[in-house]
Structures are given as structure tokens and as C-alpha cells.
Amino acid sequence: MSILSILEPANATVARPAGVRLTNGSIPATVGSDLLVPLADGRVTDYANFDHGASAPCLESVRAAVEAALPSYASVHRGNGYASRITTQWYERARAEVHGFVGAREDDQVIFTRQTTDALNLLARAVPADATVIVFESEHHAALLPWPAERTVRLAAPSSTNQAVTAVADALRSAPEGPRLVVITGASNVTGEIFPIAEIAAVARAHGARVCLDAAQLAPHRVVDIEELDVDWVALSGHKLYAPYGVGALIGRTDWLDAADPYLYGGGATASVNGNETVWNQGPARHEGGSPNVIGAIALAAACAAITKHREAIEQHECTLLPRLRTGLAQVPGVTTYSIFGAEADRVGTVCFTVEGISSTLVSAALAAEYGIGVRDGKFCAHPLVGHLLADSPEHGTAVRASLGLATTREHVDRLVNAVRTLATNGLSRRYEESTHGCQPADDPRDLVAPRIW
């Protein structure tokens, strides 16, 4: 039983249109697709999830894999007991699954991390001391901030895909001699727009530079192929890939990583310790010190396998919903949607917008309390980009982000568009006040205190 279903009043009416299906048999099923949420008017409705860009719900197949692994769950690599041997095999097979998921080269390594942020910070620790790093200010903070400031060239948010390629080429031409790394996002976490990865990689190659791809927002929606794109590293997160168990990965070339000090000093990273002399392992073990997140690795592998198997259906599902969402919001007077490259740019299922006369925080709160819709508001850990996009909208310092995925249905899209239209036309129907979680209706009748589940 879900947390919020425990809170559901016995006499509550469910605001779910007849015939609405919460899952689509052609796409992988998600845990919580039957989640019911209370509304401020006393009704209950199914949850419309437009927050996949923050954390995607767990796949049912991922939950099944984790449940299958738990009975023999044990530490890996250094145990001869049956459970340890079995768990070690699963852990290394998970590594192979992730390797194949991103089309890695034969000699590329997969290092399990906590998430994309952790993976990019790991790579930043391994970049040679004399290297120059080139990164767009439009990146998520995880890709923008880890690099040493004195050796990092920050490029302004590009106005087109062609301008993005040109800006990187210009920066590389003027960069000092020595190692160089270009950091590029796959899909913007603010607007969903896809950057010209292969074109930027080709420019980098022509100037002897390496490329790191932040694929956190791209990998759940489109194929990522290291070899085809000709990038050196890919970083991704499990919680964006329908495996919400605190795991991510850095996949790519070994030389810089094997030459760097271990990311975590401790057991597993060491080949030998003798007096004051320590010899560190090479390969993934060098940077996976301590007992690893085995269950997270299994969850990530299960998600990668499911997405690979159902890739065509997933893309079709999102290609059906996204135009409906974008067109619907664009037709609402008073709503402004935002783009880096322009309306025709290729993108994944994310829309960034504002509503005239209503702050993004209030829009988000009203959508949740009155319609059962989950979106995100703020600057999305991409403050420079949001500031750039909203530069001509002095009324707004933040925006609303609707990011769809496998838990989103056509009815959810129509509900969101209609709700935004009502807000834009009529304004707020309730008075809202600040709370510990942003805003909520004044005199909110809902009991939103989650009961302890352990």
C-alpha cells in the first residue's frame, strides 16, 4: 500500500476519468502507477508525474531484480561463501550490462558511482593538472562546477546548435597547449533540447581534445553510443533511468583514471599495503573504495536491460506525448515556453514555462494541490541557463519544468494543459502560504504527514 493511499479518506471520490489506463502494456511498467494523491477539495486522483527529470519512478522489472537479489545479498569480491560468489557475479554482470547500454569500446571501463554528480566529480579529480576544461554555462551544476576554476573556460549559452559547435572550436583554437577536455550535456535538464554531441566531438578530435558527455537526461530517452558519438566518457544516473537506488556510473577511457589518485581511499582500492607503502589497484576497483552499492548496480543494470529491450516503444510513447504537451501549453495565453536553440530543436520530454502574473512556486503548488500534478519549479540546478532564458522576463526569477516519461499518460498531459489554462485565465482559486516544502493552500485540509513505513 502506498503512503498516500493510507491517507485516503474512506469516503473520498476519485477524480479519474472513465477508461483512463495508468500503464501502457507496450512500455515497461513503473512502480506507483496506481498512486492516488489527495486534493485540497477532498477528492483523490491518480498522480500525474511530470517530474521524471528529477527522479524517474522505479520500473517493476527493477523492483523484481532487486527482490530476487536480496536473499543472497552479500559483500563482493573478497568472499568465498556462496552468497558472496553469487553477488559478485551479479555485480560484475551489472557492470557489463551498463557497458553495453552505452555502446562502450572494448577497453572502456565502468566505474559505479552514486549518481552523475559523483561521476563527474570523479573525472574532475582525474583530469591532468595542466589540462584545460571547456564547458558551456548552460550545463547542470554537476557538469559546470567540478572543474578547477583557473583552468576552466566557460562558454556562454549557445543560441543554436551550429553556434555551439563554433564556440567550442573557437575555444579550442585559443586554449593553451596540453591536455584539453570538452564537457557537453546530452539533453538540457531545463528545456530538454539535445546538443550536437557528435559534431562537437568531431571538433574536439580535430584539436586533440577529449570529450565527456553528461548523459543524465539523454540516456533515459535516446540511445547513447560512446563509439558512434566518439566521446571519451559518459556519466549517467540510475535515478533518471528508472532505477532509484542511489547509483550512477562513469564509463570511458582508463588512462587518466588509472593515473589519478583513488577517488576514495580504503579497502578495495588497494592492491597492497605494506608499512608506509601503498599500491593502488588499476581499473574500476581503484575508484570504488569501500563496500560498493551492489543492489544499486543490479537495479541500474535491470533498468538498462529493460530500456534497451523496449527502446522503440519508449521513444514512441514520448514522441506521442511531447508534441501534445508543447502544443497545448503554447496555445495558452499568458504562458511562455523557453528554448535554447528555438522551437524546432530536437528535444526529449521536457518543457520549461512560466505563467504571466503567477510565480512558478505558486503554479507548482496549485498544480499539486488542486490537480494532483507533480512538476518542478525553480532554477533546476542550472542557474546560469535559467537566468539567460528568463532575461527578458523580469517578472520571473524562476520557472516551471514539466518532464514526462513512462509514468505519464495522455490524460495526464491534457490535465496539465487544462490546469495551466485555468490558472492563466482565472488566476489562483485558493490562497497559498509558505510552508517547509514551498507553498501549500492556507487551511489545507490534507494530512500530508507520511506515516513511518519501517
Protein backbone atom coordinates (compact mmCIF):
# COMPACT_ATOMS: atom_id res chain seq x y z
CA MET A 1 0.00 0.00 0.00
CA SER A 2 1.40 3.43 -0.94
CA ILE A 3 1.94 6.11 1.68
CA LEU A 4 -0.71 8.43 0.31
CA SER A 5 -3.25 5.66 -0.15
CA ILE A 6 -3.04 5.15 3.61
CA LEU A 7 -4.12 8.76 3.98
CA GLU A 8 -7.05 8.41 1.58
CA PRO A 9 -10.38 9.10 3.33
CA ALA A 10 -12.75 6.15 3.22
CA ASN A 11 -15.48 8.25 1.57
CA ALA A 12 -13.22 10.09 -0.88
CA THR A 13 -14.21 10.30 -4.52
CA VAL A 14 -11.55 9.52 -7.10
CA ALA A 15 -11.15 12.14 -9.83
CA ARG A 16 -10.11 9.72 -12.56
CA PRO A 17 -11.85 9.89 -15.96
CA ALA A 18 -13.51 6.66 -17.07
CA GLY A 19 -11.36 4.48 -19.28
CA VAL A 20 -8.01 6.01 -18.26
CA ARG A 21 -5.23 3.42 -18.13
CA LEU A 22 -2.40 4.07 -15.75
CA THR A 23 0.10 1.94 -17.65
CA ASN A 24 0.68 1.15 -21.27
CA GLY A 25 1.32 -2.51 -21.98
CA SER A 26 3.80 -1.70 -24.73
CA ILE A 27 6.17 0.16 -22.40
CA PRO A 28 7.82 -1.03 -19.18
CA ALA A 29 5.54 -0.69 -16.15
CA THR A 30 6.56 1.62 -13.31
CA VAL A 31 6.10 1.12 -9.60
CA GLY A 32 3.48 3.53 -8.27
CA SER A 33 1.46 3.81 -11.47
CA ASP A 34 -1.62 3.34 -9.29
CA LEU A 35 -0.60 6.02 -6.77
CA LEU A 36 -3.55 8.09 -5.57
CA VAL A 37 -2.99 11.57 -4.15
CA PRO A 38 -5.35 13.76 -2.11
CA LEU A 39 -6.53 17.10 -3.45
CA ALA A 40 -7.31 20.22 -1.46
CA ASP A 41 -11.04 19.91 -2.24
CA GLY A 42 -11.29 16.47 -0.61
CA ARG A 43 -11.15 14.40 -3.77
CA VAL A 44 -8.47 11.88 -4.66
CA THR A 45 -6.90 11.43 -8.10
CA ASP A 46 -4.19 9.39 -9.72
CA TYR A 47 -0.81 11.10 -9.63
CA ALA A 48 0.22 12.83 -12.85
CA ASN A 49 4.00 12.56 -12.82
CA PHE A 50 5.77 15.36 -14.71
CA ASP A 51 8.92 15.22 -12.62
CA HIS A 52 10.87 12.48 -14.40
CA GLY A 53 13.72 14.91 -14.99
CA ALA A 54 14.40 14.96 -11.25
CA SER A 55 13.85 11.28 -10.43
CA ALA A 56 12.04 8.73 -12.55
CA PRO A 57 9.90 6.13 -10.78
CA CYS A 58 11.27 2.63 -10.38
CA LEU A 59 10.44 0.06 -13.05
CA GLU A 60 8.55 -3.04 -11.96
CA SER A 61 11.30 -5.14 -13.55
CA VAL A 62 13.90 -3.28 -11.49
CA ARG A 63 11.99 -3.99 -8.30
CA ALA A 64 11.76 -7.66 -9.29
CA ALA A 65 15.52 -7.86 -9.90
CA VAL A 66 16.28 -6.27 -6.54
CA GLU A 67 13.89 -8.58 -4.72
CA ALA A 68 15.50 -11.58 -6.44
CA ALA A 69 18.97 -10.43 -5.35
CA LEU A 70 18.20 -9.71 -1.70
CA PRO A 71 18.05 -13.30 -0.35
CA SER A 72 21.70 -13.87 -1.32
CA TYR A 73 22.82 -10.27 -0.90
CA ALA A 74 26.40 -10.16 0.38
CA SER A 75 29.70 -8.31 0.00
CA VAL A 76 31.51 -8.75 -3.29
CA HIS A 77 35.00 -9.75 -4.49
CA ARG A 78 36.55 -10.94 -1.25
CA GLY A 79 34.37 -13.78 -0.05
CA ASN A 80 34.30 -17.48 -0.91
CA GLY A 81 30.88 -18.09 0.59
CA TYR A 82 28.09 -18.97 -1.81
CA ALA A 83 26.22 -15.69 -1.29
CA SER A 84 29.33 -13.60 -1.87
CA ARG A 85 30.24 -15.51 -5.03
CA ILE A 86 26.73 -15.14 -6.45
CA THR A 87 26.53 -11.46 -5.57
CA THR A 88 29.96 -10.82 -7.08
CA GLN A 89 28.81 -12.36 -10.35
CA TRP A 90 25.71 -10.16 -10.42
CA TYR A 91 27.77 -7.08 -9.65
CA GLU A 92 30.21 -7.68 -12.49
CA ARG A 93 27.41 -8.67 -14.87
CA ALA A 94 25.77 -5.37 -13.97
CA ARG A 95 28.98 -3.63 -15.00
CA ALA A 96 28.88 -5.44 -18.34
CA GLU A 97 25.21 -4.51 -18.84
CA VAL A 98 25.93 -0.82 -18.34
CA HIS A 99 28.98 -1.11 -20.62
CA GLY A 100 26.77 -2.45 -23.41
CA PHE A 101 23.95 0.02 -22.70
CA VAL A 102 26.12 2.97 -23.72
CA GLY A 103 27.93 1.22 -26.59
CA ALA A 104 31.28 1.44 -24.83
CA ARG A 105 34.51 0.40 -26.51
CA GLU A 106 36.02 -2.94 -25.52
CA ASP A 107 38.70 -1.38 -23.33
CA ASP A 108 36.44 1.23 -21.71
CA GLN A 109 35.79 0.76 -18.00
CA VAL A 110 32.60 1.20 -15.98
CA ILE A 111 33.01 2.73 -12.54
CA PHE A 112 29.94 2.66 -10.32
CA THR A 113 29.27 5.94 -8.54
CA ARG A 114 26.43 7.46 -6.54
CA GLN A 115 24.98 9.45 -9.48
CA THR A 116 26.04 11.71 -12.34
CA THR A 117 27.30 14.39 -9.96
CA ASP A 118 29.57 11.87 -8.28
CA ALA A 119 30.76 10.52 -11.65
CA LEU A 120 31.71 13.96 -12.96
CA ASN A 121 33.47 14.88 -9.73
CA LEU A 122 35.43 11.63 -10.03
CA LEU A 123 36.52 12.55 -13.54
CA ALA A 124 37.40 16.07 -12.41
CA ARG A 125 39.78 14.55 -9.86
CA ALA A 126 41.45 12.57 -12.65
CA VAL A 127 41.92 15.36 -15.19
CA PRO A 128 45.65 16.10 -15.60
CA ALA A 129 46.90 19.11 -13.65
CA ASP A 130 47.79 21.04 -16.82
CA ALA A 131 44.54 20.32 -18.66
CA THR A 132 42.12 22.99 -19.91
CA VAL A 133 38.42 22.25 -19.48
CA ILE A 134 35.81 23.81 -21.80
CA VAL A 135 32.18 23.82 -20.68
CA PHE A 136 29.02 25.75 -21.53
CA GLU A 137 27.38 27.82 -18.80
CA SER A 138 24.12 26.16 -19.84
CA GLU A 139 25.19 22.93 -18.13
CA HIS A 140 23.67 21.45 -15.00
CA HIS A 141 25.76 22.43 -11.98
CA ALA A 142 27.04 18.85 -11.77
CA ALA A 143 28.83 19.36 -15.10
CA LEU A 144 29.57 23.06 -14.63
CA LEU A 145 31.19 23.25 -11.21
CA PRO A 146 33.64 20.35 -10.54
CA TRP A 147 36.49 21.65 -12.71
CA PRO A 148 39.31 23.87 -11.37
CA ALA A 149 38.26 27.49 -11.98
CA GLU A 150 41.71 28.64 -13.06
CA ARG A 151 41.83 26.07 -15.87
CA THR A 152 38.19 26.16 -16.97
CA VAL A 153 36.81 28.12 -19.92
CA ARG A 154 33.09 28.79 -19.53
CA LEU A 155 31.25 29.44 -22.76
CA ALA A 156 28.02 31.44 -22.89
CA ALA A 157 24.82 29.54 -23.58
CA PRO A 158 24.71 28.94 -27.34
CA SER A 159 21.92 30.36 -29.47
CA SER A 160 21.90 27.48 -31.97
CA THR A 161 23.46 24.07 -32.45
CA ASN A 162 25.77 25.49 -35.11
CA GLN A 163 26.86 28.25 -32.77
CA ALA A 164 27.57 25.67 -30.06
CA VAL A 165 29.95 23.83 -32.37
CA THR A 166 31.60 27.07 -33.48
CA ALA A 167 32.04 28.25 -29.88
CA VAL A 168 33.82 25.03 -28.92
CA ALA A 169 36.07 25.24 -31.99
CA ASP A 170 37.00 28.84 -31.17
CA ALA A 171 37.72 27.99 -27.55
CA LEU A 172 39.93 25.07 -28.52
CA ARG A 173 41.89 27.16 -31.00
CA SER A 174 42.73 29.67 -28.29
CA ALA A 175 43.30 27.15 -25.49
CA PRO A 176 46.87 26.67 -24.25
CA GLU A 177 48.87 23.65 -25.30
CA GLY A 178 48.39 20.49 -23.25
CA PRO A 179 45.51 18.15 -22.45
CA ARG A 180 42.05 19.54 -23.12
CA LEU A 181 38.61 18.30 -22.14
CA VAL A 182 35.26 19.43 -23.55
CA VAL A 183 32.29 18.79 -21.26
CA ILE A 184 28.95 18.66 -23.02
CA THR A 185 25.41 17.86 -21.94
CA GLY A 186 23.39 15.37 -23.95
CA ALA A 187 19.99 16.94 -23.31
CA SER A 188 19.36 20.09 -21.31
CA ASN A 189 17.76 19.36 -17.95
CA VAL A 190 15.91 22.69 -18.26
CA THR A 191 14.47 22.58 -21.78
CA GLY A 192 15.13 19.00 -22.93
CA GLU A 193 16.94 20.21 -26.05
CA ILE A 194 19.61 17.89 -27.46
CA PHE A 195 23.08 19.28 -28.03
CA PRO A 196 25.09 18.44 -31.20
CA ILE A 197 27.22 15.83 -29.46
CA ALA A 198 28.81 14.12 -32.47
CA GLU A 199 29.60 17.45 -34.15
CA ILE A 200 31.25 18.84 -31.03
CA ALA A 201 33.17 15.59 -30.57
CA ALA A 202 34.46 15.84 -34.14
CA VAL A 203 35.69 19.39 -33.49
CA ALA A 204 37.33 18.25 -30.26
CA ARG A 205 39.09 15.40 -32.06
CA ALA A 206 40.39 17.79 -34.71
CA HIS A 207 42.04 19.81 -31.93
CA GLY A 208 43.34 16.83 -29.95
CA ALA A 209 40.80 17.28 -27.14
CA ARG A 210 38.76 14.73 -25.24
CA VAL A 211 35.01 14.82 -24.60
CA CYS A 212 32.91 13.98 -21.56
CA LEU A 213 29.18 13.57 -22.14
CA ASP A 214 26.72 14.24 -19.32
CA ALA A 215 24.01 11.78 -20.39
CA ALA A 216 21.84 12.01 -17.28
CA GLN A 217 18.88 13.49 -19.16
CA LEU A 218 19.57 11.87 -22.52
CA ALA A 219 20.07 8.19 -21.71
CA PRO A 220 16.51 7.54 -20.43
CA HIS A 221 15.06 8.82 -23.71
CA ARG A 222 17.52 8.21 -26.56
CA VAL A 223 20.26 5.74 -27.45
CA VAL A 224 23.71 6.77 -26.20
CA ASP A 225 26.59 5.14 -28.07
CA ILE A 226 30.10 6.09 -26.96
CA GLU A 227 31.77 4.63 -30.02
CA GLU A 228 29.37 6.13 -32.53
CA LEU A 229 29.41 9.57 -30.89
CA ASP A 230 33.19 9.30 -30.47
CA VAL A 231 33.23 10.65 -26.92
CA ASP A 232 35.69 9.59 -24.24
CA TRP A 233 33.47 9.38 -21.15
CA VAL A 234 29.78 9.17 -20.38
CA ALA A 235 28.26 9.93 -16.98
CA LEU A 236 24.74 8.90 -16.03
CA SER A 237 22.42 8.36 -13.06
CA GLY A 238 20.26 5.42 -12.10
CA HIS A 239 17.52 7.60 -10.64
CA LYS A 240 16.95 9.19 -14.06
CA LEU A 241 16.88 5.71 -15.65
CA TYR A 242 14.03 4.27 -13.56
CA ALA A 243 16.42 2.69 -11.04
CA PRO A 244 16.11 4.92 -7.97
CA TYR A 245 18.64 3.28 -5.70
CA GLY A 246 21.43 5.87 -5.40
CA VAL A 247 23.70 4.64 -8.17
CA GLY A 248 25.31 6.07 -11.27
CA ALA A 249 28.29 5.35 -13.48
CA LEU A 250 31.25 6.87 -15.25
CA ILE A 251 32.08 4.92 -18.39
CA GLY A 252 35.06 5.51 -20.63
CA ARG A 253 38.80 5.59 -21.15
CA THR A 254 41.13 4.24 -18.49
CA ASP A 255 44.41 6.18 -18.77
CA TRP A 256 43.53 9.38 -16.89
CA LEU A 257 41.61 7.40 -14.30
CA ASP A 258 44.37 4.86 -13.72
CA ALA A 259 46.91 7.68 -13.33
CA ALA A 260 44.85 9.57 -10.75
CA ASP A 261 44.78 9.01 -7.00
CA PRO A 262 41.85 6.86 -5.88
CA TYR A 263 38.58 8.73 -5.51
CA LEU A 264 38.03 7.00 -2.15
CA TYR A 265 40.95 5.73 -0.08
CA GLY A 266 40.21 2.41 1.54
CA GLY A 267 39.53 -1.26 1.06
CA GLY A 268 39.02 -2.46 -2.48
CA ALA A 269 41.07 0.39 -3.94
CA THR A 270 44.28 -1.19 -2.66
CA ALA A 271 46.41 -3.87 -4.31
CA SER A 272 48.73 -4.00 -1.28
CA VAL A 273 49.55 -2.04 1.87
CA ASN A 274 52.94 -2.64 3.47
CA GLY A 275 54.14 -0.25 6.14
CA ASN A 276 54.09 3.21 4.59
CA GLU A 277 53.87 1.87 1.05
CA THR A 278 50.51 1.51 -0.67
CA VAL A 279 49.99 0.15 -4.15
CA TRP A 280 46.64 1.06 -5.64
CA ASN A 281 44.56 -1.13 -7.92
CA GLN A 282 44.08 -0.30 -11.58
CA GLY A 283 40.72 -0.30 -13.32
CA PRO A 284 37.32 0.26 -11.69
CA ALA A 285 38.41 -1.04 -8.28
CA ARG A 286 40.82 1.89 -7.96
CA HIS A 287 37.90 4.31 -7.59
CA GLU A 288 35.31 2.06 -5.94
CA GLY A 289 36.82 2.03 -2.44
CA GLY A 290 34.73 0.51 0.33
CA SER A 291 31.83 -1.89 0.03
CA PRO A 292 30.01 -0.95 -3.17
CA ASN A 293 26.30 -0.37 -3.69
CA VAL A 294 25.63 -3.84 -5.09
CA ILE A 295 21.85 -3.54 -5.03
CA GLY A 296 22.10 -0.19 -6.79
CA ALA A 297 24.30 -1.70 -9.50
CA ILE A 298 21.83 -4.54 -10.02
CA ALA A 299 18.97 -2.05 -10.17
CA LEU A 300 20.80 0.07 -12.75
CA ALA A 301 21.60 -2.97 -14.88
CA ALA A 302 17.98 -4.15 -14.76
CA ALA A 303 16.81 -0.70 -15.86
CA CYS A 304 19.34 -0.59 -18.70
CA ALA A 305 18.21 -4.02 -19.88
CA ALA A 306 14.53 -3.03 -19.81
CA ILE A 307 15.11 0.26 -21.63
CA THR A 308 17.21 -1.48 -24.28
CA LYS A 309 14.51 -4.09 -24.81
CA HIS A 310 11.69 -1.54 -25.07
CA ARG A 311 13.59 1.39 -26.59
CA GLU A 312 11.37 1.74 -29.66
CA ALA A 313 8.17 1.71 -27.60
CA ILE A 314 9.61 4.19 -25.10
CA GLU A 315 10.58 6.65 -27.81
CA GLN A 316 7.20 6.29 -29.50
CA HIS A 317 5.41 6.86 -26.18
CA GLU A 318 7.32 10.09 -25.58
CA CYS A 319 7.10 11.24 -29.20
CA THR A 320 3.32 10.97 -28.90
CA LEU A 321 3.04 12.88 -25.63
CA LEU A 322 5.62 15.64 -26.05
CA PRO A 323 4.10 17.43 -29.08
CA ARG A 324 0.71 17.31 -27.37
CA LEU A 325 2.18 18.93 -24.28
CA ARG A 326 4.19 21.56 -26.13
CA THR A 327 1.36 22.49 -28.48
CA GLY A 328 -1.15 22.62 -25.65
CA LEU A 329 0.95 24.94 -23.48
CA ALA A 330 1.94 27.14 -26.44
CA GLN A 331 -1.74 27.82 -27.14
CA VAL A 332 -2.48 29.12 -23.64
CA PRO A 333 -2.49 32.94 -23.48
CA GLY A 334 -0.14 34.19 -20.80
CA VAL A 335 2.09 31.10 -20.89
CA THR A 336 5.66 31.45 -22.15
CA THR A 337 7.77 28.41 -23.01
CA TYR A 338 11.54 28.64 -23.20
CA SER A 339 14.16 27.26 -25.56
CA ILE A 340 17.91 27.46 -26.07
CA PHE A 341 18.02 26.70 -29.78
CA GLY A 342 14.50 27.56 -30.90
CA ALA A 343 11.12 25.89 -31.16
CA GLU A 344 12.17 23.43 -33.86
CA ALA A 345 15.14 21.98 -31.96
CA ASP A 346 15.22 18.26 -31.28
CA ARG A 347 14.44 17.52 -27.64
CA VAL A 348 13.40 14.94 -25.08
CA GLY A 349 10.24 15.17 -22.98
CA THR A 350 10.84 18.36 -21.02
CA VAL A 351 9.08 21.73 -21.23
CA CYS A 352 10.12 24.84 -19.29
CA PHE A 353 7.46 27.56 -18.90
CA THR A 354 6.11 30.46 -16.87
CA VAL A 355 2.58 31.79 -16.34
CA GLU A 356 2.03 35.54 -16.51
CA GLY A 357 1.11 37.03 -13.14
CA ILE A 358 1.78 33.90 -11.08
CA SER A 359 5.12 32.85 -9.65
CA SER A 360 6.47 29.43 -10.60
CA THR A 361 6.29 28.34 -6.96
CA LEU A 362 2.57 29.11 -6.82
CA VAL A 363 1.94 27.44 -10.17
CA SER A 364 3.67 24.30 -8.95
CA ALA A 365 1.79 24.35 -5.64
CA ALA A 366 -1.59 24.85 -7.31
CA LEU A 367 -0.98 22.07 -9.83
CA ALA A 368 -0.19 19.69 -6.99
CA ALA A 369 -2.93 20.68 -4.55
CA GLU A 370 -5.79 21.19 -6.99
CA TYR A 371 -4.98 18.76 -9.82
CA GLY A 372 -2.67 16.03 -8.48
CA ILE A 373 0.11 17.04 -10.86
CA GLY A 374 3.78 16.87 -9.92
CA VAL A 375 6.10 19.34 -11.65
CA ARG A 376 9.28 21.09 -10.55
CA ASP A 377 9.80 24.81 -10.06
CA GLY A 378 12.96 26.83 -9.52
CA LYS A 379 16.25 27.06 -11.39
CA PHE A 380 16.79 23.30 -11.71
CA CYS A 381 20.47 23.31 -10.63
CA ALA A 382 21.21 25.27 -13.79
CA HIS A 383 21.15 28.84 -12.50
CA PRO A 384 23.15 30.50 -15.32
CA LEU A 385 20.96 28.93 -18.00
CA VAL A 386 17.68 29.80 -16.31
CA GLY A 387 18.92 33.35 -15.80
CA HIS A 388 19.78 33.51 -19.50
CA LEU A 389 16.41 32.14 -20.62
CA LEU A 390 14.41 34.44 -18.33
CA ALA A 391 16.45 37.56 -19.07
CA ASP A 392 13.56 39.09 -20.99
CA SER A 393 11.00 38.08 -18.35
CA PRO A 394 11.78 40.37 -15.39
CA GLU A 395 8.59 39.25 -13.66
CA HIS A 396 10.02 35.77 -13.20
CA GLY A 397 13.20 34.68 -11.48
CA THR A 398 12.34 31.00 -11.73
CA ALA A 399 10.32 28.74 -14.00
CA VAL A 400 8.20 25.59 -14.03
CA ARG A 401 9.55 22.38 -15.56
CA ALA A 402 7.27 19.59 -16.76
CA SER A 403 9.26 16.45 -17.61
CA LEU A 404 7.34 13.44 -18.86
CA GLY A 405 8.27 9.78 -19.10
CA LEU A 406 6.97 6.26 -18.70
CA ALA A 407 4.64 7.16 -15.82
CA THR A 408 2.96 9.90 -17.88
CA THR A 409 -0.24 9.29 -19.84
CA ARG A 410 -2.19 11.24 -22.44
CA GLU A 411 -4.80 12.09 -19.81
CA HIS A 412 -2.02 13.49 -17.62
CA VAL A 413 -0.88 15.75 -20.46
CA ASP A 414 -4.40 17.02 -21.07
CA ARG A 415 -4.91 17.53 -17.34
CA LEU A 416 -1.74 19.61 -17.08
CA VAL A 417 -2.57 21.76 -20.11
CA ASN A 418 -6.12 22.36 -18.90
CA ALA A 419 -4.94 23.16 -15.39
CA VAL A 420 -2.39 25.68 -16.66
CA ARG A 421 -5.04 27.23 -18.90
CA THR A 422 -7.36 27.64 -15.90
CA LEU A 423 -4.59 29.21 -13.83
CA ALA A 424 -3.55 31.55 -16.64
CA THR A 425 -7.16 32.60 -17.32
CA ASN A 426 -8.67 32.77 -13.85
CA GLY A 427 -5.69 33.05 -11.54
CA LEU A 428 -5.39 31.18 -8.26
CA SER A 429 -8.64 29.83 -6.83
CA ARG A 430 -7.17 29.45 -3.33
CA ARG A 431 -4.94 31.40 -1.03
CA TYR A 432 -1.49 29.87 -0.64
CA GLU A 433 1.10 30.34 2.07
CA GLU A 434 4.73 29.46 2.59
CA SER A 435 5.47 26.06 4.12
CA THR A 436 8.53 23.93 4.76
CA HIS A 437 8.08 22.49 1.25
CA GLY A 438 7.45 25.70 -0.68
CA CYS A 439 3.77 26.67 -0.77
CA GLN A 440 0.53 24.95 0.10
CA PRO A 441 -3.09 26.07 0.41
CA ALA A 442 -3.91 28.05 3.53
CA ASP A 443 -6.02 25.86 5.83
CA ASP A 444 -5.02 22.85 3.73
CA PRO A 445 -7.38 20.01 4.72
CA ARG A 446 -4.99 17.30 3.54
CA ASP A 447 -2.96 15.32 6.03
CA LEU A 448 0.40 15.20 4.27
CA VAL A 449 2.42 13.77 7.10
CA ALA A 450 3.85 10.49 5.82
CA PRO A 451 3.48 7.64 8.32
CA ARG A 452 6.60 5.71 9.20
CA ILE A 453 6.88 2.65 6.94
CA TRP A 454 9.54 0.79 8.92
